[in-house]
Amino acid sequence: MPFSPGQSLVSRYRIDAEIGHGGTAIVYRSHDPLMDRTVAIKVFPSDLIGDEEAARQFATELKVIGQLEQLTSSQSFDPQTTTGTAYYMPPEQAAGQALDYRADIYSIGATLYEMCTGRRPYEGSSWADIVVKVLSEDPPLPCEVNPNLPHIVQDVILRAMARTPAERYSTALELSTALREAARA
């Protein structure tokens, strides 16, 4: 249900403006007078109420935001050093799991994605939006973003960015070799 600036929500939040929208929700900048702070309110269209996939994605987003609120209250937070750059962060890092060398393989794959398509694999209006996408969505296929990209190069990128570390290249050398062979083909 769309809201208008100045409208109140749940007798507490004042809607100031729409700040973003996508396929699953509209986000409004709002004011919480009780806490005297600006908040974001995400509203799902009525046709998505009861949609299991939308509910799953929303639950994932709530979990990530909850972890961030918990990642920020107990320690100083520097997104560049504490948690990494969200655009190139592997799902296991975004979920707070243990990392190994395959996290770097993912980051290289995300960098290759951007180099070959001219855009990052995930976009969002905030760090948390991007992390939610890393955890719950696959990026658009590189060949859909750049139709001139050979499918063999796309295959290398997608394997490097596999959601599960075991599905990625075993070493940077293996990734490098696959990329060299794809460039030759």
N, C-alpha and C. Protein backbone atom coordinates (compact mmCIF):
# COMPACT_ATOMS: atom_id res chain seq x y z
N MET A 1 0.84 -1.16 0.00
CA MET A 1 0.00 0.00 0.00
C MET A 1 0.89 1.23 0.00
N PRO A 2 0.74 2.13 -0.97
CA PRO A 2 1.57 3.32 -1.02
C PRO A 2 1.17 4.32 0.07
N PHE A 3 2.15 5.06 0.54
CA PHE A 3 1.93 6.08 1.56
C PHE A 3 2.30 7.44 0.98
N SER A 4 1.82 8.49 1.63
CA SER A 4 2.10 9.86 1.20
C SER A 4 2.90 10.58 2.26
N PRO A 5 3.77 11.53 1.84
CA PRO A 5 4.50 12.32 2.83
C PRO A 5 3.54 12.98 3.80
N GLY A 6 3.91 12.97 5.08
CA GLY A 6 3.09 13.56 6.13
C GLY A 6 2.13 12.58 6.77
N GLN A 7 1.89 11.45 6.11
CA GLN A 7 0.98 10.45 6.64
C GLN A 7 1.64 9.75 7.83
N SER A 8 0.84 9.35 8.81
CA SER A 8 1.37 8.63 9.97
C SER A 8 1.13 7.15 9.78
N LEU A 9 2.03 6.36 10.33
CA LEU A 9 1.96 4.92 10.25
C LEU A 9 1.97 4.37 11.66
N VAL A 10 1.03 3.52 11.98
CA VAL A 10 0.92 2.89 13.29
C VAL A 10 0.92 3.96 14.40
N SER A 11 0.34 5.09 14.13
CA SER A 11 0.23 6.19 15.09
C SER A 11 1.57 6.60 15.68
N ARG A 12 2.64 6.27 15.02
CA ARG A 12 3.95 6.62 15.57
C ARG A 12 4.88 7.22 14.53
N TYR A 13 5.02 6.59 13.39
CA TYR A 13 6.01 7.01 12.41
C TYR A 13 5.38 7.97 11.41
N ARG A 14 6.08 9.05 11.12
CA ARG A 14 5.63 10.00 10.11
C ARG A 14 6.40 9.71 8.83
N ILE A 15 5.70 9.46 7.75
CA ILE A 15 6.31 9.21 6.45
C ILE A 15 6.79 10.55 5.89
N ASP A 16 8.09 10.66 5.56
CA ASP A 16 8.63 11.89 4.99
C ASP A 16 8.71 11.83 3.47
N ALA A 17 9.22 10.71 2.94
CA ALA A 17 9.36 10.62 1.49
C ALA A 17 9.68 9.18 1.10
N GLU A 18 9.33 8.83 -0.14
CA GLU A 18 9.76 7.55 -0.69
C GLU A 18 11.22 7.69 -1.06
N ILE A 19 12.05 6.72 -0.62
CA ILE A 19 13.48 6.80 -0.93
C ILE A 19 13.95 5.69 -1.84
N GLY A 20 13.09 4.72 -2.11
CA GLY A 20 13.48 3.66 -3.02
C GLY A 20 12.36 2.66 -3.19
N HIS A 21 12.42 1.95 -4.29
CA HIS A 21 11.45 0.88 -4.51
C HIS A 21 12.06 -0.14 -5.46
N GLY A 22 11.56 -1.33 -5.34
CA GLY A 22 12.04 -2.41 -6.19
C GLY A 22 10.90 -3.36 -6.47
N GLY A 23 11.26 -4.56 -6.87
CA GLY A 23 10.26 -5.54 -7.23
C GLY A 23 9.48 -6.07 -6.04
N THR A 24 10.04 -5.94 -4.84
CA THR A 24 9.36 -6.53 -3.69
C THR A 24 8.92 -5.54 -2.63
N ALA A 25 9.31 -4.29 -2.70
CA ALA A 25 8.93 -3.37 -1.62
C ALA A 25 9.19 -1.92 -2.00
N ILE A 26 8.58 -1.03 -1.21
CA ILE A 26 8.84 0.40 -1.29
C ILE A 26 9.44 0.80 0.05
N VAL A 27 10.49 1.62 0.01
CA VAL A 27 11.14 2.06 1.24
C VAL A 27 10.89 3.56 1.42
N TYR A 28 10.47 3.92 2.62
CA TYR A 28 10.16 5.31 2.94
C TYR A 28 11.11 5.83 4.02
N ARG A 29 11.58 7.06 3.87
CA ARG A 29 12.27 7.75 4.95
C ARG A 29 11.18 8.28 5.87
N SER A 30 11.30 7.97 7.15
CA SER A 30 10.26 8.31 8.11
C SER A 30 10.90 8.88 9.36
N HIS A 31 10.05 9.45 10.20
CA HIS A 31 10.53 10.01 11.46
C HIS A 31 9.83 9.29 12.61
N ASP A 32 10.63 8.89 13.60
CA ASP A 32 10.13 8.25 14.81
C ASP A 32 10.21 9.30 15.91
N PRO A 33 9.08 9.96 16.27
CA PRO A 33 9.13 11.01 17.28
C PRO A 33 9.46 10.49 18.67
N LEU A 34 9.12 9.24 18.96
CA LEU A 34 9.40 8.69 20.27
C LEU A 34 10.91 8.61 20.53
N MET A 35 11.67 8.20 19.51
CA MET A 35 13.13 8.09 19.64
C MET A 35 13.84 9.31 19.02
N ASP A 36 13.07 10.20 18.41
CA ASP A 36 13.59 11.39 17.74
C ASP A 36 14.72 11.02 16.77
N ARG A 37 14.37 10.16 15.83
CA ARG A 37 15.37 9.72 14.85
C ARG A 37 14.69 9.43 13.52
N THR A 38 15.51 9.45 12.48
CA THR A 38 15.05 9.09 11.15
C THR A 38 15.17 7.58 11.00
N VAL A 39 14.15 6.97 10.42
CA VAL A 39 14.14 5.53 10.22
C VAL A 39 13.72 5.24 8.78
N ALA A 40 13.99 4.03 8.35
CA ALA A 40 13.51 3.56 7.05
C ALA A 40 12.42 2.54 7.31
N ILE A 41 11.33 2.66 6.58
CA ILE A 41 10.23 1.72 6.70
C ILE A 41 10.04 1.06 5.34
N LYS A 42 10.06 -0.26 5.36
CA LYS A 42 9.91 -1.04 4.14
C LYS A 42 8.50 -1.63 4.11
N VAL A 43 7.79 -1.37 3.02
CA VAL A 43 6.40 -1.81 2.89
C VAL A 43 6.29 -2.72 1.67
N PHE A 44 5.71 -3.89 1.89
CA PHE A 44 5.52 -4.83 0.79
C PHE A 44 4.16 -4.60 0.14
N PRO A 45 4.09 -4.72 -1.18
CA PRO A 45 2.80 -4.59 -1.85
C PRO A 45 1.84 -5.69 -1.38
N SER A 46 0.56 -5.39 -1.39
CA SER A 46 -0.43 -6.35 -0.88
C SER A 46 -0.41 -7.67 -1.65
N ASP A 47 -0.01 -7.63 -2.94
CA ASP A 47 0.00 -8.86 -3.71
C ASP A 47 1.13 -9.81 -3.31
N LEU A 48 2.09 -9.33 -2.52
CA LEU A 48 3.18 -10.20 -2.04
C LEU A 48 2.91 -10.77 -0.66
N ILE A 49 1.86 -10.31 -0.01
CA ILE A 49 1.53 -10.85 1.30
C ILE A 49 1.15 -12.32 1.12
N GLY A 50 1.82 -13.18 1.86
CA GLY A 50 1.60 -14.62 1.74
C GLY A 50 2.55 -15.30 0.76
N ASP A 51 3.36 -14.53 0.02
CA ASP A 51 4.33 -15.10 -0.91
C ASP A 51 5.51 -15.65 -0.13
N GLU A 52 5.75 -16.95 -0.24
CA GLU A 52 6.80 -17.59 0.56
C GLU A 52 8.20 -17.07 0.24
N GLU A 53 8.50 -16.82 -1.02
CA GLU A 53 9.82 -16.32 -1.40
C GLU A 53 10.05 -14.92 -0.83
N ALA A 54 9.04 -14.07 -0.92
CA ALA A 54 9.17 -12.72 -0.35
C ALA A 54 9.34 -12.79 1.16
N ALA A 55 8.63 -13.69 1.81
CA ALA A 55 8.77 -13.85 3.26
C ALA A 55 10.16 -14.34 3.62
N ARG A 56 10.70 -15.28 2.84
CA ARG A 56 12.04 -15.81 3.10
C ARG A 56 13.09 -14.71 2.94
N GLN A 57 12.95 -13.92 1.87
CA GLN A 57 13.90 -12.83 1.64
C GLN A 57 13.82 -11.79 2.75
N PHE A 58 12.61 -11.49 3.20
CA PHE A 58 12.43 -10.52 4.28
C PHE A 58 13.03 -11.05 5.58
N ALA A 59 12.85 -12.34 5.86
CA ALA A 59 13.41 -12.93 7.07
C ALA A 59 14.94 -12.87 7.04
N THR A 60 15.53 -13.12 5.88
CA THR A 60 16.98 -13.03 5.73
C THR A 60 17.44 -11.60 5.99
N GLU A 61 16.72 -10.64 5.45
CA GLU A 61 17.08 -9.24 5.64
C GLU A 61 17.00 -8.85 7.11
N LEU A 62 15.94 -9.29 7.79
CA LEU A 62 15.81 -8.99 9.22
C LEU A 62 16.96 -9.59 10.02
N LYS A 63 17.38 -10.79 9.67
CA LYS A 63 18.49 -11.45 10.37
C LYS A 63 19.78 -10.66 10.18
N VAL A 64 20.05 -10.25 8.95
CA VAL A 64 21.26 -9.48 8.67
C VAL A 64 21.24 -8.16 9.42
N ILE A 65 20.13 -7.45 9.37
CA ILE A 65 20.05 -6.17 10.06
C ILE A 65 20.19 -6.37 11.56
N GLY A 66 19.60 -7.42 12.10
CA GLY A 66 19.74 -7.72 13.52
C GLY A 66 21.18 -7.98 13.89
N GLN A 67 21.91 -8.69 13.04
CA GLN A 67 23.32 -8.95 13.30
C GLN A 67 24.12 -7.66 13.22
N LEU A 68 23.77 -6.78 12.29
CA LEU A 68 24.48 -5.51 12.17
C LEU A 68 24.26 -4.66 13.41
N GLU A 69 23.03 -4.61 13.88
CA GLU A 69 22.73 -3.82 15.08
C GLU A 69 23.44 -4.38 16.29
N GLN A 70 23.64 -5.75 16.32
CA GLN A 70 24.33 -6.39 17.42
C GLN A 70 25.82 -6.13 17.32
N LEU A 71 26.67 -6.25 15.35
CA LEU A 71 28.03 -6.03 14.91
C LEU A 71 28.52 -4.71 15.31
N THR A 72 27.53 -3.56 15.69
CA THR A 72 27.76 -2.11 15.90
C THR A 72 27.62 -1.69 17.35
N SER A 73 26.78 -2.36 18.21
CA SER A 73 26.58 -1.92 19.59
C SER A 73 27.72 -2.34 20.50
N SER A 74 28.45 -3.39 20.15
CA SER A 74 29.47 -3.89 21.07
C SER A 74 30.89 -3.56 20.65
N GLN A 75 31.07 -3.02 19.47
CA GLN A 75 32.43 -2.69 19.02
C GLN A 75 32.38 -1.56 18.02
N SER A 76 33.53 -0.98 17.77
CA SER A 76 33.57 0.07 16.76
C SER A 76 33.39 -0.58 15.39
N PHE A 77 32.77 0.12 14.49
CA PHE A 77 32.41 -0.44 13.20
C PHE A 77 33.06 0.35 12.08
N ASP A 78 33.86 -0.33 11.30
CA ASP A 78 34.45 0.27 10.12
C ASP A 78 34.20 -0.71 8.98
N PRO A 79 33.22 -0.42 8.08
CA PRO A 79 32.86 -1.39 7.06
C PRO A 79 34.00 -1.75 6.12
N GLN A 80 35.02 -0.93 6.01
CA GLN A 80 36.14 -1.25 5.12
C GLN A 80 37.10 -2.26 5.75
N THR A 81 37.21 -2.25 7.07
CA THR A 81 38.19 -3.15 7.70
C THR A 81 37.54 -4.23 8.55
N THR A 82 36.41 -3.93 9.15
CA THR A 82 35.78 -4.90 10.03
C THR A 82 35.08 -6.00 9.25
N THR A 83 34.34 -5.63 8.23
CA THR A 83 33.52 -6.61 7.54
C THR A 83 33.81 -6.73 6.05
N GLY A 84 34.58 -5.84 5.50
CA GLY A 84 34.88 -5.90 4.09
C GLY A 84 33.95 -5.03 3.27
N THR A 85 34.26 -4.90 2.02
CA THR A 85 33.43 -4.13 1.10
C THR A 85 32.30 -5.04 0.62
N ALA A 86 31.09 -4.66 0.88
CA ALA A 86 29.94 -5.52 0.62
C ALA A 86 29.84 -5.97 -0.83
N TYR A 87 30.24 -5.12 -1.76
CA TYR A 87 30.13 -5.46 -3.18
C TYR A 87 30.94 -6.73 -3.55
N TYR A 88 32.00 -6.98 -2.82
CA TYR A 88 32.90 -8.08 -3.17
C TYR A 88 32.94 -9.15 -2.07
N MET A 89 32.01 -9.08 -1.14
CA MET A 89 31.99 -9.96 0.02
C MET A 89 31.31 -11.29 -0.31
N PRO A 90 31.97 -12.41 0.01
CA PRO A 90 31.34 -13.71 -0.23
C PRO A 90 30.20 -13.95 0.76
N PRO A 91 29.24 -14.80 0.39
CA PRO A 91 28.10 -15.06 1.27
C PRO A 91 28.50 -15.54 2.66
N GLU A 92 29.54 -16.36 2.76
CA GLU A 92 29.92 -16.87 4.08
C GLU A 92 30.43 -15.75 4.99
N GLN A 93 31.05 -14.74 4.42
CA GLN A 93 31.50 -13.60 5.22
C GLN A 93 30.30 -12.76 5.64
N ALA A 94 29.38 -12.55 4.71
CA ALA A 94 28.17 -11.78 5.02
C ALA A 94 27.35 -12.46 6.12
N ALA A 95 27.41 -13.78 6.18
CA ALA A 95 26.67 -14.53 7.19
C ALA A 95 27.45 -14.68 8.50
N GLY A 96 28.67 -14.16 8.55
CA GLY A 96 29.46 -14.23 9.78
C GLY A 96 30.10 -15.58 10.02
N GLN A 97 30.27 -16.38 8.97
CA GLN A 97 30.88 -17.70 9.10
C GLN A 97 32.39 -17.61 8.96
N ALA A 98 33.05 -18.70 9.27
CA ALA A 98 34.51 -18.77 9.14
C ALA A 98 34.90 -18.63 7.67
N LEU A 99 36.05 -18.00 7.44
CA LEU A 99 36.54 -17.76 6.08
C LEU A 99 37.81 -18.54 5.83
N ASP A 100 38.04 -18.85 4.56
CA ASP A 100 39.31 -19.41 4.14
C ASP A 100 39.69 -18.76 2.82
N TYR A 101 40.68 -19.28 2.15
CA TYR A 101 41.20 -18.69 0.91
C TYR A 101 40.14 -18.59 -0.17
N ARG A 102 39.09 -19.40 -0.10
CA ARG A 102 38.05 -19.37 -1.14
C ARG A 102 37.22 -18.08 -1.08
N ALA A 103 37.25 -17.40 0.06
CA ALA A 103 36.59 -16.08 0.15
C ALA A 103 37.29 -15.11 -0.81
N ASP A 104 38.61 -15.21 -0.90
CA ASP A 104 39.36 -14.36 -1.84
C ASP A 104 39.03 -14.71 -3.29
N ILE A 105 38.82 -15.99 -3.56
CA ILE A 105 38.44 -16.41 -4.91
C ILE A 105 37.11 -15.74 -5.29
N TYR A 106 36.16 -15.73 -4.36
CA TYR A 106 34.88 -15.07 -4.60
C TYR A 106 35.09 -13.59 -4.91
N SER A 107 35.90 -12.92 -4.09
CA SER A 107 36.15 -11.49 -4.27
C SER A 107 36.78 -11.19 -5.62
N ILE A 108 37.70 -12.06 -6.05
CA ILE A 108 38.30 -11.91 -7.38
C ILE A 108 37.22 -12.07 -8.45
N GLY A 109 36.35 -13.06 -8.26
CA GLY A 109 35.26 -13.27 -9.21
C GLY A 109 34.34 -12.06 -9.30
N ALA A 110 34.03 -11.45 -8.15
CA ALA A 110 33.18 -10.25 -8.15
C ALA A 110 33.88 -9.09 -8.85
N THR A 111 35.19 -8.99 -8.68
CA THR A 111 35.96 -7.96 -9.36
C THR A 111 35.96 -8.21 -10.87
N LEU A 112 36.14 -9.46 -11.27
CA LEU A 112 36.08 -9.82 -12.70
C LEU A 112 34.70 -9.50 -13.27
N TYR A 113 33.67 -9.77 -12.49
CA TYR A 113 32.30 -9.46 -12.92
C TYR A 113 32.20 -7.98 -13.28
N GLU A 114 32.68 -7.13 -12.37
CA GLU A 114 32.61 -5.69 -12.61
C GLU A 114 33.46 -5.28 -13.81
N MET A 115 34.64 -5.86 -13.93
CA MET A 115 35.53 -5.51 -15.05
C MET A 115 34.91 -5.89 -16.39
N CYS A 116 34.20 -7.03 -16.42
CA CYS A 116 33.66 -7.54 -17.68
C CYS A 116 32.28 -7.00 -18.03
N THR A 117 31.57 -6.46 -17.04
CA THR A 117 30.21 -5.98 -17.31
C THR A 117 30.06 -4.48 -17.15
N GLY A 118 31.00 -3.86 -16.45
CA GLY A 118 30.88 -2.43 -16.19
C GLY A 118 29.98 -2.10 -15.01
N ARG A 119 29.54 -3.11 -14.28
CA ARG A 119 28.72 -2.88 -13.09
C ARG A 119 29.03 -3.93 -12.03
N ARG A 120 28.73 -3.59 -10.81
CA ARG A 120 28.98 -4.52 -9.70
C ARG A 120 27.93 -5.62 -9.72
N PRO A 121 28.27 -6.79 -9.16
CA PRO A 121 27.30 -7.89 -9.16
C PRO A 121 26.03 -7.58 -8.38
N TYR A 122 26.15 -6.78 -7.33
CA TYR A 122 25.00 -6.42 -6.50
C TYR A 122 25.01 -4.92 -6.29
N GLU A 123 23.83 -4.32 -6.32
CA GLU A 123 23.69 -2.90 -6.03
C GLU A 123 22.63 -2.76 -4.95
N GLY A 124 22.73 -1.69 -4.19
CA GLY A 124 21.74 -1.43 -3.15
C GLY A 124 21.92 -0.02 -2.63
N SER A 125 20.91 0.45 -1.91
CA SER A 125 20.96 1.82 -1.40
C SER A 125 21.76 1.93 -0.11
N SER A 126 22.11 0.78 0.49
CA SER A 126 22.90 0.81 1.71
C SER A 126 23.75 -0.45 1.80
N TRP A 127 24.68 -0.42 2.72
CA TRP A 127 25.54 -1.59 2.95
C TRP A 127 24.69 -2.81 3.29
N ALA A 128 23.68 -2.62 4.14
CA ALA A 128 22.82 -3.73 4.55
C ALA A 128 22.03 -4.29 3.36
N ASP A 129 21.54 -3.42 2.48
CA ASP A 129 20.81 -3.89 1.28
C ASP A 129 21.69 -4.80 0.44
N ILE A 130 22.94 -4.42 0.27
CA ILE A 130 23.86 -5.22 -0.55
C ILE A 130 24.14 -6.55 0.13
N VAL A 131 24.37 -6.53 1.43
CA VAL A 131 24.64 -7.77 2.17
C VAL A 131 23.46 -8.73 2.06
N VAL A 132 22.25 -8.22 2.17
CA VAL A 132 21.06 -9.06 2.03
C VAL A 132 21.04 -9.72 0.66
N LYS A 133 21.37 -8.96 -0.38
CA LYS A 133 21.39 -9.52 -1.73
C LYS A 133 22.49 -10.58 -1.88
N VAL A 134 23.66 -10.32 -1.31
CA VAL A 134 24.74 -11.31 -1.36
C VAL A 134 24.28 -12.62 -0.72
N LEU A 135 23.52 -12.52 0.36
CA LEU A 135 23.06 -13.71 1.07
C LEU A 135 21.90 -14.43 0.39
N SER A 136 21.10 -13.69 -0.38
CA SER A 136 19.85 -14.30 -0.84
C SER A 136 19.61 -14.31 -2.34
N GLU A 137 20.45 -13.65 -3.12
CA GLU A 137 20.19 -13.56 -4.56
C GLU A 137 21.44 -13.91 -5.37
N ASP A 138 21.21 -14.39 -6.57
CA ASP A 138 22.31 -14.54 -7.52
C ASP A 138 22.37 -13.25 -8.33
N PRO A 139 23.57 -12.81 -8.71
CA PRO A 139 23.65 -11.60 -9.53
C PRO A 139 23.12 -11.88 -10.93
N PRO A 140 22.77 -10.83 -11.67
CA PRO A 140 22.38 -11.05 -13.07
C PRO A 140 23.53 -11.75 -13.81
N LEU A 141 23.19 -12.60 -14.75
CA LEU A 141 24.24 -13.29 -15.51
C LEU A 141 25.10 -12.26 -16.24
N PRO A 142 26.41 -12.41 -16.18
CA PRO A 142 27.30 -11.44 -16.83
C PRO A 142 26.99 -11.26 -18.32
N CYS A 143 26.63 -12.34 -19.03
CA CYS A 143 26.33 -12.22 -20.46
C CYS A 143 25.03 -11.48 -20.72
N GLU A 144 24.14 -11.42 -19.72
CA GLU A 144 22.93 -10.62 -19.88
C GLU A 144 23.25 -9.13 -19.73
N VAL A 145 24.21 -8.83 -18.86
CA VAL A 145 24.62 -7.45 -18.65
C VAL A 145 25.49 -6.98 -19.81
N ASN A 146 26.38 -7.84 -20.28
CA ASN A 146 27.27 -7.54 -21.40
C ASN A 146 27.15 -8.65 -22.44
N PRO A 147 26.25 -8.49 -23.42
CA PRO A 147 26.03 -9.53 -24.42
C PRO A 147 27.29 -9.88 -25.24
N ASN A 148 28.30 -9.01 -25.23
CA ASN A 148 29.53 -9.29 -25.98
C ASN A 148 30.50 -10.18 -25.22
N LEU A 149 30.19 -10.47 -23.98
CA LEU A 149 31.07 -11.30 -23.16
C LEU A 149 30.94 -12.77 -23.57
N PRO A 150 32.04 -13.44 -23.87
CA PRO A 150 31.96 -14.86 -24.22
C PRO A 150 31.42 -15.68 -23.04
N HIS A 151 30.60 -16.66 -23.36
CA HIS A 151 30.00 -17.50 -22.32
C HIS A 151 31.07 -18.24 -21.51
N ILE A 152 32.18 -18.56 -22.12
CA ILE A 152 33.24 -19.26 -21.39
C ILE A 152 33.84 -18.38 -20.28
N VAL A 153 33.90 -17.07 -20.53
CA VAL A 153 34.37 -16.13 -19.50
C VAL A 153 33.31 -16.02 -18.41
N GLN A 154 32.05 -15.96 -18.81
CA GLN A 154 30.96 -15.95 -17.83
C GLN A 154 31.06 -17.16 -16.91
N ASP A 155 31.33 -18.33 -17.48
CA ASP A 155 31.43 -19.55 -16.68
C ASP A 155 32.53 -19.45 -15.63
N VAL A 156 33.65 -18.85 -16.00
CA VAL A 156 34.75 -18.67 -15.05
C VAL A 156 34.31 -17.74 -13.91
N ILE A 157 33.68 -16.64 -14.26
CA ILE A 157 33.21 -15.68 -13.24
C ILE A 157 32.22 -16.34 -12.30
N LEU A 158 31.25 -17.04 -12.86
CA LEU A 158 30.22 -17.66 -12.03
C LEU A 158 30.78 -18.75 -11.11
N ARG A 159 31.75 -19.49 -11.58
CA ARG A 159 32.36 -20.51 -10.72
C ARG A 159 33.15 -19.83 -9.59
N ALA A 160 33.85 -18.77 -9.91
CA ALA A 160 34.61 -18.04 -8.88
C ALA A 160 33.66 -17.45 -7.84
N MET A 161 32.45 -17.06 -8.27
CA MET A 161 31.47 -16.45 -7.37
C MET A 161 30.43 -17.44 -6.86
N ALA A 162 30.71 -18.72 -6.95
CA ALA A 162 29.74 -19.71 -6.47
C ALA A 162 29.36 -19.43 -5.02
N ARG A 163 28.10 -19.63 -4.70
CA ARG A 163 27.61 -19.33 -3.35
C ARG A 163 28.26 -20.23 -2.30
N THR A 164 28.57 -21.44 -2.67
CA THR A 164 29.19 -22.39 -1.75
C THR A 164 30.69 -22.43 -2.02
N PRO A 165 31.53 -22.24 -1.00
CA PRO A 165 32.99 -22.24 -1.22
C PRO A 165 33.51 -23.50 -1.92
N ALA A 166 32.94 -24.65 -1.62
CA ALA A 166 33.42 -25.90 -2.23
C ALA A 166 33.21 -25.94 -3.74
N GLU A 167 32.30 -25.11 -4.25
CA GLU A 167 32.02 -25.08 -5.69
C GLU A 167 32.94 -24.11 -6.44
N ARG A 168 33.72 -23.32 -5.71
CA ARG A 168 34.62 -22.36 -6.34
C ARG A 168 35.92 -23.04 -6.76
N TYR A 169 36.75 -22.29 -7.46
CA TYR A 169 38.08 -22.79 -7.80
C TYR A 169 38.84 -23.10 -6.52
N SER A 170 39.67 -24.12 -6.58
CA SER A 170 40.41 -24.56 -5.39
C SER A 170 41.54 -23.61 -5.01
N THR A 171 42.12 -22.97 -6.02
CA THR A 171 43.24 -22.05 -5.77
C THR A 171 43.16 -20.87 -6.73
N ALA A 172 43.87 -19.82 -6.41
CA ALA A 172 43.96 -18.67 -7.31
C ALA A 172 44.65 -19.08 -8.61
N LEU A 173 45.60 -20.00 -8.53
CA LEU A 173 46.27 -20.49 -9.73
C LEU A 173 45.28 -21.20 -10.65
N GLU A 174 44.40 -21.99 -10.08
CA GLU A 174 43.38 -22.69 -10.89
C GLU A 174 42.45 -21.66 -11.56
N LEU A 175 42.06 -20.63 -10.83
CA LEU A 175 41.24 -19.57 -11.40
C LEU A 175 41.98 -18.85 -12.52
N SER A 176 43.24 -18.52 -12.27
CA SER A 176 44.05 -17.83 -13.27
C SER A 176 44.18 -18.65 -14.54
N THR A 177 44.42 -19.95 -14.39
CA THR A 177 44.56 -20.85 -15.54
C THR A 177 43.25 -20.89 -16.33
N ALA A 178 42.12 -21.02 -15.63
CA ALA A 178 40.82 -21.06 -16.31
C ALA A 178 40.54 -19.76 -17.05
N LEU A 179 40.90 -18.65 -16.44
CA LEU A 179 40.68 -17.35 -17.08
C LEU A 179 41.56 -17.19 -18.32
N ARG A 180 42.82 -17.63 -18.23
CA ARG A 180 43.72 -17.58 -19.38
C ARG A 180 43.18 -18.43 -20.53
N GLU A 181 42.72 -19.64 -20.20
CA GLU A 181 42.18 -20.53 -21.25
C GLU A 181 40.91 -19.93 -21.87
N ALA A 182 40.07 -19.29 -21.04
CA ALA A 182 38.86 -18.66 -21.57
C ALA A 182 39.22 -17.51 -22.49
N ALA A 183 40.24 -16.75 -22.15
CA ALA A 183 40.66 -15.62 -22.98
C ALA A 183 41.20 -16.11 -24.33
N ARG A 184 41.87 -17.24 -24.32
CA ARG A 184 42.40 -17.79 -25.57
C ARG A 184 41.30 -18.30 -26.49
N ALA A 185 40.25 -18.85 -25.88
CA ALA A 185 39.14 -19.43 -26.66
C ALA A 185 38.32 -18.30 -27.22
